[in-house]
């Protein structure tokens, strides 16, 4: 039986800055742009690939900024890792499992930094349906 690919994410640089005055109320509408870049994928050993990444969050209006850098390490079976590296080399798109692992790690950290800075976290708002309507025996939600 083959060993599964294991991905470890290491954050090596963290930067967060509140640009809005602490005594001024935050604007009612804030747009948040999140950018995650996988900067490459290279073989370190037969059973290890490394993918450095950069993460940034920008706010409009400019209330704060955040960034993180680091690398993710993929360990596993030599054949599986070769397949991932070949696919990356051909398509030039990062492996989805790496993007997901990095996203999970940096978003969790950015939520903590947001709380510390007193700014909105870079997560999409959850819309809760305001009304339920029964239509043809099924529940439908209206917002």
N, C-alpha and C. Protein backbone atom coordinates (compact mmCIF):
# COMPACT_ATOMS: atom_id res chain seq x y z
N UNK A 1 0.84 -1.18 0.00
CA UNK A 1 0.00 0.00 0.00
C UNK A 1 0.89 1.25 0.00
N UNK A 2 0.52 2.22 -0.83
CA UNK A 2 1.28 3.45 -0.95
C UNK A 2 1.00 4.42 0.19
N UNK A 3 2.06 5.14 0.55
CA UNK A 3 1.94 6.19 1.56
C UNK A 3 1.29 7.42 0.92
N UNK A 4 0.41 8.08 1.66
CA UNK A 4 -0.24 9.28 1.15
C UNK A 4 0.74 10.45 1.17
N UNK A 5 0.47 11.43 0.32
CA UNK A 5 1.26 12.65 0.33
C UNK A 5 0.95 13.43 1.60
N UNK A 6 1.97 13.87 2.28
CA UNK A 6 1.81 14.67 3.49
C UNK A 6 2.34 16.07 3.20
N UNK A 7 1.58 17.09 3.60
CA UNK A 7 1.99 18.47 3.35
C UNK A 7 2.11 19.20 4.68
N UNK A 8 3.29 19.76 4.93
CA UNK A 8 3.53 20.59 6.10
C UNK A 8 3.75 22.02 5.62
N UNK A 9 3.12 22.96 6.30
CA UNK A 9 3.25 24.37 5.93
C UNK A 9 4.02 25.09 7.03
N UNK A 10 5.06 25.82 6.60
CA UNK A 10 5.90 26.56 7.53
C UNK A 10 5.84 28.04 7.16
N UNK A 11 5.36 28.86 8.09
CA UNK A 11 5.33 30.30 7.88
C UNK A 11 6.60 30.87 8.47
N UNK A 12 7.39 31.57 7.64
CA UNK A 12 8.69 32.06 8.09
C UNK A 12 8.75 33.58 8.24
N UNK A 13 7.78 34.28 7.68
CA UNK A 13 7.74 35.73 7.82
C UNK A 13 6.30 36.19 7.97
N UNK A 14 6.05 37.06 8.94
CA UNK A 14 4.71 37.59 9.18
C UNK A 14 4.82 39.11 9.30
N UNK A 15 3.94 39.82 8.59
CA UNK A 15 3.92 41.27 8.68
C UNK A 15 2.47 41.73 8.73
N UNK A 16 2.13 42.54 9.71
CA UNK A 16 0.79 43.09 9.81
C UNK A 16 0.86 44.51 10.34
N UNK A 17 0.10 45.40 9.71
CA UNK A 17 0.15 46.80 10.11
C UNK A 17 -1.23 47.43 9.97
N UNK A 18 -1.66 48.08 11.04
CA UNK A 18 -2.91 48.84 10.98
C UNK A 18 -2.54 50.25 10.54
N UNK A 19 -3.17 50.71 9.46
CA UNK A 19 -2.88 52.03 8.91
C UNK A 19 -3.94 53.06 9.30
N UNK A 20 -5.05 52.59 9.85
CA UNK A 20 -6.17 53.43 10.25
C UNK A 20 -5.99 53.81 11.71
N UNK A 21 -6.29 55.01 12.07
CA UNK A 21 -6.13 55.45 13.46
C UNK A 21 -6.91 54.58 14.42
N UNK A 22 -6.32 54.29 15.56
CA UNK A 22 -6.98 53.42 16.54
C UNK A 22 -8.18 54.10 17.19
N UNK A 23 -8.19 55.43 17.18
CA UNK A 23 -9.30 56.15 17.79
C UNK A 23 -10.40 56.49 16.79
N UNK A 24 -10.15 56.22 15.49
CA UNK A 24 -11.15 56.51 14.45
C UNK A 24 -11.95 55.24 14.16
N UNK A 25 -13.28 55.37 14.02
CA UNK A 25 -14.07 54.18 13.68
C UNK A 25 -13.73 53.69 12.27
N UNK A 26 -13.74 52.37 12.10
CA UNK A 26 -13.47 51.81 10.77
C UNK A 26 -14.61 52.17 9.82
N UNK A 27 -14.32 52.32 8.54
CA UNK A 27 -15.38 52.64 7.58
C UNK A 27 -16.42 51.52 7.52
N UNK A 28 -17.69 51.84 7.19
CA UNK A 28 -18.73 50.82 7.18
C UNK A 28 -18.54 49.78 6.06
N UNK A 29 -17.96 50.18 4.95
CA UNK A 29 -17.71 49.27 3.83
C UNK A 29 -16.21 49.11 3.64
N UNK A 30 -15.72 47.88 3.73
CA UNK A 30 -14.30 47.59 3.52
C UNK A 30 -14.20 46.45 2.53
N UNK A 31 -13.41 46.64 1.47
CA UNK A 31 -13.15 45.56 0.53
C UNK A 31 -11.82 44.92 0.91
N UNK A 32 -11.79 43.59 0.85
CA UNK A 32 -10.60 42.86 1.25
C UNK A 32 -10.14 41.99 0.07
N UNK A 33 -8.90 42.20 -0.36
CA UNK A 33 -8.32 41.41 -1.46
C UNK A 33 -7.27 40.47 -0.87
N UNK A 34 -7.46 39.18 -1.09
CA UNK A 34 -6.54 38.16 -0.59
C UNK A 34 -5.81 37.55 -1.79
N UNK A 35 -4.49 37.43 -1.67
CA UNK A 35 -3.69 36.88 -2.76
C UNK A 35 -2.74 35.83 -2.21
N UNK A 36 -2.81 34.62 -2.76
CA UNK A 36 -1.90 33.54 -2.38
C UNK A 36 -1.14 33.11 -3.63
N UNK A 37 0.18 33.19 -3.56
CA UNK A 37 1.02 32.78 -4.69
C UNK A 37 1.92 31.63 -4.27
N UNK A 38 1.85 30.54 -5.02
CA UNK A 38 2.81 29.45 -4.85
C UNK A 38 3.93 29.78 -5.83
N UNK A 39 5.13 30.04 -5.31
CA UNK A 39 6.21 30.62 -6.10
C UNK A 39 7.03 29.61 -6.89
N UNK A 40 6.79 28.34 -6.69
CA UNK A 40 7.54 27.32 -7.40
C UNK A 40 7.33 25.97 -6.74
N UNK A 41 7.98 24.97 -7.31
CA UNK A 41 7.93 23.62 -6.75
C UNK A 41 9.23 22.96 -7.15
N UNK A 42 10.02 22.56 -6.15
CA UNK A 42 11.30 21.93 -6.49
C UNK A 42 11.55 20.70 -5.62
N UNK A 43 12.30 19.78 -6.23
CA UNK A 43 12.66 18.54 -5.54
C UNK A 43 13.84 18.81 -4.60
N UNK A 44 13.69 18.39 -3.35
CA UNK A 44 14.79 18.49 -2.39
C UNK A 44 15.47 17.13 -2.23
N UNK A 45 14.66 16.06 -2.13
CA UNK A 45 15.16 14.68 -2.10
C UNK A 45 14.15 13.83 -2.87
N UNK A 46 14.40 12.53 -2.95
CA UNK A 46 13.46 11.64 -3.63
C UNK A 46 12.08 11.66 -2.99
N UNK A 47 12.04 11.90 -1.68
CA UNK A 47 10.75 11.85 -0.98
C UNK A 47 10.30 13.21 -0.45
N UNK A 48 10.89 14.32 -0.98
CA UNK A 48 10.55 15.65 -0.49
C UNK A 48 10.54 16.68 -1.62
N UNK A 49 9.40 17.38 -1.74
CA UNK A 49 9.29 18.54 -2.63
C UNK A 49 9.03 19.76 -1.76
N UNK A 50 9.49 20.92 -2.23
CA UNK A 50 9.27 22.15 -1.48
C UNK A 50 8.63 23.19 -2.39
N UNK A 51 7.63 23.89 -1.85
CA UNK A 51 6.91 24.92 -2.59
C UNK A 51 6.86 26.20 -1.75
N UNK A 52 7.70 27.20 -2.06
CA UNK A 52 7.62 28.46 -1.33
C UNK A 52 6.35 29.22 -1.70
N UNK A 53 5.86 30.06 -0.78
CA UNK A 53 4.64 30.80 -1.06
C UNK A 53 4.71 32.21 -0.49
N UNK A 54 3.85 33.07 -1.03
CA UNK A 54 3.67 34.43 -0.52
C UNK A 54 2.17 34.67 -0.40
N UNK A 55 1.76 35.32 0.66
CA UNK A 55 0.36 35.60 0.95
C UNK A 55 0.24 37.07 1.29
N UNK A 56 -0.78 37.74 0.75
CA UNK A 56 -0.98 39.15 1.12
C UNK A 56 -2.46 39.46 1.22
N UNK A 57 -2.76 40.42 2.08
CA UNK A 57 -4.13 40.91 2.25
C UNK A 57 -4.06 42.42 2.15
N UNK A 58 -4.90 42.98 1.26
CA UNK A 58 -4.98 44.43 1.11
C UNK A 58 -6.41 44.87 1.33
N UNK A 59 -6.57 46.00 1.99
CA UNK A 59 -7.89 46.53 2.33
C UNK A 59 -8.13 47.83 1.56
N UNK A 60 -9.38 48.02 1.10
CA UNK A 60 -9.80 49.27 0.49
C UNK A 60 -11.06 49.73 1.21
N UNK A 61 -11.06 50.92 1.80
CA UNK A 61 -9.95 51.86 1.91
C UNK A 61 -8.79 51.26 2.70
N UNK A 62 -7.66 51.90 2.62
CA UNK A 62 -6.41 51.36 3.15
C UNK A 62 -6.37 51.45 4.68
N UNK A 63 -7.03 50.47 5.32
CA UNK A 63 -7.08 50.48 6.79
C UNK A 63 -5.94 49.65 7.40
N UNK A 64 -5.43 48.68 6.62
CA UNK A 64 -4.38 47.80 7.14
C UNK A 64 -3.77 47.03 5.98
N UNK A 65 -2.69 46.34 6.29
CA UNK A 65 -2.09 45.41 5.33
C UNK A 65 -1.45 44.26 6.09
N UNK A 66 -1.43 43.11 5.44
CA UNK A 66 -0.85 41.91 6.03
C UNK A 66 -0.11 41.14 4.96
N UNK A 67 0.96 40.47 5.35
CA UNK A 67 1.63 39.57 4.41
C UNK A 67 2.33 38.46 5.19
N UNK A 68 2.49 37.34 4.52
CA UNK A 68 3.21 36.20 5.09
C UNK A 68 4.00 35.53 3.98
N UNK A 69 5.10 34.94 4.36
CA UNK A 69 5.90 34.14 3.42
C UNK A 69 6.27 32.85 4.13
N UNK A 70 6.58 31.84 3.35
CA UNK A 70 6.99 30.58 3.93
C UNK A 70 7.16 29.53 2.86
N UNK A 71 7.11 28.29 3.28
CA UNK A 71 7.19 27.19 2.31
C UNK A 71 6.37 26.01 2.81
N UNK A 72 5.93 25.23 1.84
CA UNK A 72 5.24 24.00 2.18
C UNK A 72 6.12 22.85 1.71
N UNK A 73 6.12 21.78 2.47
CA UNK A 73 6.92 20.62 2.12
C UNK A 73 6.00 19.43 1.91
N UNK A 74 6.18 18.79 0.76
CA UNK A 74 5.40 17.61 0.41
C UNK A 74 6.30 16.39 0.59
N UNK A 75 5.86 15.44 1.39
CA UNK A 75 6.61 14.20 1.57
C UNK A 75 5.71 13.04 1.18
N UNK A 76 6.33 11.99 0.67
CA UNK A 76 5.55 10.82 0.29
C UNK A 76 6.33 9.92 -0.64
N UNK A 77 5.60 9.07 -1.33
CA UNK A 77 6.17 8.10 -2.25
C UNK A 77 6.84 8.81 -3.43
N UNK A 78 8.00 8.31 -3.83
CA UNK A 78 8.78 8.92 -4.91
C UNK A 78 7.96 9.05 -6.19
N UNK A 79 7.22 8.01 -6.55
CA UNK A 79 6.41 8.04 -7.78
C UNK A 79 5.32 9.10 -7.72
N UNK A 80 4.65 9.19 -6.58
CA UNK A 80 3.58 10.19 -6.41
C UNK A 80 4.15 11.60 -6.53
N UNK A 81 5.29 11.84 -5.89
CA UNK A 81 5.91 13.16 -5.94
C UNK A 81 6.39 13.50 -7.35
N UNK A 82 6.91 12.50 -8.07
CA UNK A 82 7.32 12.74 -9.46
C UNK A 82 6.13 13.14 -10.32
N UNK A 83 4.98 12.49 -10.10
CA UNK A 83 3.76 12.84 -10.83
C UNK A 83 3.33 14.27 -10.56
N UNK A 84 3.39 14.69 -9.30
CA UNK A 84 3.02 16.06 -8.93
C UNK A 84 3.98 17.05 -9.57
N UNK A 85 5.28 16.76 -9.52
CA UNK A 85 6.29 17.65 -10.10
C UNK A 85 6.15 17.73 -11.61
N UNK A 86 5.91 16.59 -12.28
CA UNK A 86 5.71 16.58 -13.74
C UNK A 86 4.50 17.41 -14.14
N UNK A 87 3.41 17.22 -13.42
CA UNK A 87 2.18 17.97 -13.72
C UNK A 87 2.41 19.47 -13.54
N UNK A 88 3.12 19.86 -12.48
CA UNK A 88 3.42 21.26 -12.25
C UNK A 88 4.29 21.82 -13.37
N UNK A 89 5.29 21.04 -13.80
CA UNK A 89 6.20 21.49 -14.85
C UNK A 89 5.46 21.69 -16.17
N UNK A 90 4.51 20.80 -16.48
CA UNK A 90 3.76 20.90 -17.74
C UNK A 90 2.71 22.00 -17.71
N UNK A 91 1.92 22.05 -16.65
CA UNK A 91 0.79 22.98 -16.60
C UNK A 91 1.13 24.33 -16.00
N UNK A 92 2.22 24.41 -15.22
CA UNK A 92 2.62 25.63 -14.52
C UNK A 92 1.57 26.11 -13.53
N UNK A 93 0.71 25.21 -13.09
CA UNK A 93 -0.26 25.55 -12.05
C UNK A 93 0.10 24.73 -10.80
N UNK A 94 0.02 25.37 -9.66
CA UNK A 94 0.40 24.65 -8.43
C UNK A 94 -0.59 23.54 -8.11
N UNK A 95 -0.12 22.48 -7.47
CA UNK A 95 -1.02 21.39 -7.08
C UNK A 95 -2.11 21.90 -6.15
N UNK A 96 -3.33 21.49 -6.40
CA UNK A 96 -4.47 21.97 -5.62
C UNK A 96 -4.32 21.66 -4.13
N UNK A 97 -3.76 20.49 -3.81
CA UNK A 97 -3.61 20.13 -2.41
C UNK A 97 -2.62 21.06 -1.69
N UNK A 98 -1.64 21.59 -2.42
CA UNK A 98 -0.69 22.54 -1.82
C UNK A 98 -1.39 23.88 -1.59
N UNK A 99 -2.13 24.34 -2.58
CA UNK A 99 -2.86 25.61 -2.45
C UNK A 99 -3.82 25.53 -1.27
N UNK A 100 -4.52 24.41 -1.12
CA UNK A 100 -5.48 24.25 -0.03
C UNK A 100 -4.78 24.24 1.33
N UNK A 101 -3.67 23.52 1.44
CA UNK A 101 -2.95 23.44 2.71
C UNK A 101 -2.39 24.81 3.11
N UNK A 102 -1.81 25.52 2.14
CA UNK A 102 -1.27 26.86 2.43
C UNK A 102 -2.41 27.80 2.80
N UNK A 103 -3.51 27.77 2.04
CA UNK A 103 -4.66 28.63 2.33
C UNK A 103 -5.16 28.43 3.75
N UNK A 104 -5.33 27.18 4.14
CA UNK A 104 -5.82 26.88 5.49
C UNK A 104 -4.89 27.47 6.56
N UNK A 105 -3.59 27.30 6.38
CA UNK A 105 -2.62 27.76 7.38
C UNK A 105 -2.58 29.29 7.46
N UNK A 106 -2.47 29.96 6.31
CA UNK A 106 -2.31 31.41 6.34
C UNK A 106 -3.61 32.12 6.71
N UNK A 107 -4.75 31.58 6.33
CA UNK A 107 -6.01 32.21 6.71
C UNK A 107 -6.23 32.11 8.22
N UNK A 108 -5.88 30.97 8.80
CA UNK A 108 -6.00 30.84 10.26
C UNK A 108 -5.11 31.86 10.96
N UNK A 109 -3.88 32.01 10.51
CA UNK A 109 -2.97 32.99 11.12
C UNK A 109 -3.45 34.41 10.89
N UNK A 110 -3.99 34.70 9.70
CA UNK A 110 -4.43 36.06 9.40
C UNK A 110 -5.64 36.46 10.24
N UNK A 111 -6.47 35.50 10.62
CA UNK A 111 -7.60 35.80 11.50
C UNK A 111 -7.08 36.24 12.88
N UNK A 112 -6.05 35.55 13.37
CA UNK A 112 -5.46 35.94 14.66
C UNK A 112 -4.83 37.33 14.58
N UNK A 113 -4.11 37.60 13.51
CA UNK A 113 -3.48 38.91 13.33
C UNK A 113 -4.55 39.99 13.23
N UNK A 114 -5.63 39.72 12.52
CA UNK A 114 -6.73 40.68 12.38
C UNK A 114 -7.29 41.05 13.74
N UNK A 115 -7.48 40.05 14.59
CA UNK A 115 -8.01 40.31 15.93
C UNK A 115 -7.05 41.20 16.72
N UNK A 116 -5.77 40.90 16.63
CA UNK A 116 -4.76 41.69 17.32
C UNK A 116 -4.76 43.14 16.85
N UNK A 117 -4.90 43.35 15.55
CA UNK A 117 -4.87 44.70 14.97
C UNK A 117 -6.22 45.42 15.07
N UNK A 118 -7.27 44.68 15.40
CA UNK A 118 -8.59 45.28 15.50
C UNK A 118 -9.18 45.65 14.14
N UNK A 119 -9.00 44.76 13.18
CA UNK A 119 -9.50 44.97 11.81
C UNK A 119 -10.35 43.78 11.39
N UNK A 120 -11.16 43.93 10.33
CA UNK A 120 -11.98 42.79 9.87
C UNK A 120 -11.09 41.65 9.37
N UNK A 121 -11.45 40.41 9.68
CA UNK A 121 -10.66 39.27 9.20
C UNK A 121 -10.88 39.05 7.70
N UNK A 122 -9.88 38.52 7.01
CA UNK A 122 -10.00 38.31 5.56
C UNK A 122 -10.75 37.02 5.20
N UNK A 123 -11.97 36.91 5.70
CA UNK A 123 -12.81 35.77 5.35
C UNK A 123 -14.11 36.31 4.76
N UNK A 124 -14.68 35.60 3.81
CA UNK A 124 -15.93 36.09 3.24
C UNK A 124 -17.03 36.06 4.28
N UNK A 125 -17.88 37.08 4.29
CA UNK A 125 -18.97 37.09 5.27
C UNK A 125 -19.95 35.95 5.00
N UNK A 126 -20.48 35.40 6.06
CA UNK A 126 -21.46 34.33 5.94
C UNK A 126 -22.84 34.98 5.92
N UNK A 127 -23.58 34.76 4.85
CA UNK A 127 -24.91 35.36 4.79
C UNK A 127 -25.92 34.36 5.34
N UNK A 128 -26.68 34.80 6.29
CA UNK A 128 -27.69 33.95 6.91
C UNK A 128 -29.02 34.30 6.27
N UNK A 129 -29.72 33.30 5.74
CA UNK A 129 -31.00 33.59 5.10
C UNK A 129 -31.96 34.27 6.07
N UNK A 130 -32.67 35.26 5.57
CA UNK A 130 -33.56 36.00 6.44
C UNK A 130 -34.97 35.42 6.47
N UNK A 131 -35.31 34.60 5.48
CA UNK A 131 -36.68 34.10 5.43
C UNK A 131 -36.71 32.74 4.74
N UNK A 132 -37.53 31.85 5.26
CA UNK A 132 -37.74 30.55 4.64
C UNK A 132 -39.12 30.54 4.00
N UNK A 133 -39.18 30.02 2.78
CA UNK A 133 -40.46 29.93 2.09
C UNK A 133 -40.62 28.50 1.62
N UNK A 134 -41.79 27.93 1.84
CA UNK A 134 -42.06 26.57 1.41
C UNK A 134 -42.67 26.64 0.01
N UNK A 135 -42.03 25.94 -0.94
CA UNK A 135 -42.48 25.97 -2.33
C UNK A 135 -42.44 24.54 -2.86
N UNK A 136 -43.54 24.04 -3.29
CA UNK A 136 -43.64 22.66 -3.79
C UNK A 136 -43.10 21.64 -2.78
N UNK A 137 -43.37 21.88 -1.51
CA UNK A 137 -42.96 20.94 -0.48
C UNK A 137 -41.49 21.05 -0.10
N UNK A 138 -40.73 22.00 -0.69
CA UNK A 138 -39.31 22.15 -0.38
C UNK A 138 -39.09 23.52 0.26
N UNK A 139 -38.10 23.55 1.14
CA UNK A 139 -37.76 24.82 1.77
C UNK A 139 -36.82 25.60 0.86
N UNK A 140 -37.12 26.85 0.63
CA UNK A 140 -36.24 27.74 -0.12
C UNK A 140 -35.93 28.92 0.77
N UNK A 141 -34.75 29.46 0.60
CA UNK A 141 -34.32 30.58 1.42
C UNK A 141 -34.31 31.86 0.60
N UNK A 142 -34.82 32.91 1.20
CA UNK A 142 -34.81 34.21 0.55
C UNK A 142 -34.01 35.16 1.44
N UNK A 143 -33.15 35.94 0.83
CA UNK A 143 -32.35 36.90 1.61
C UNK A 143 -32.77 38.31 1.30
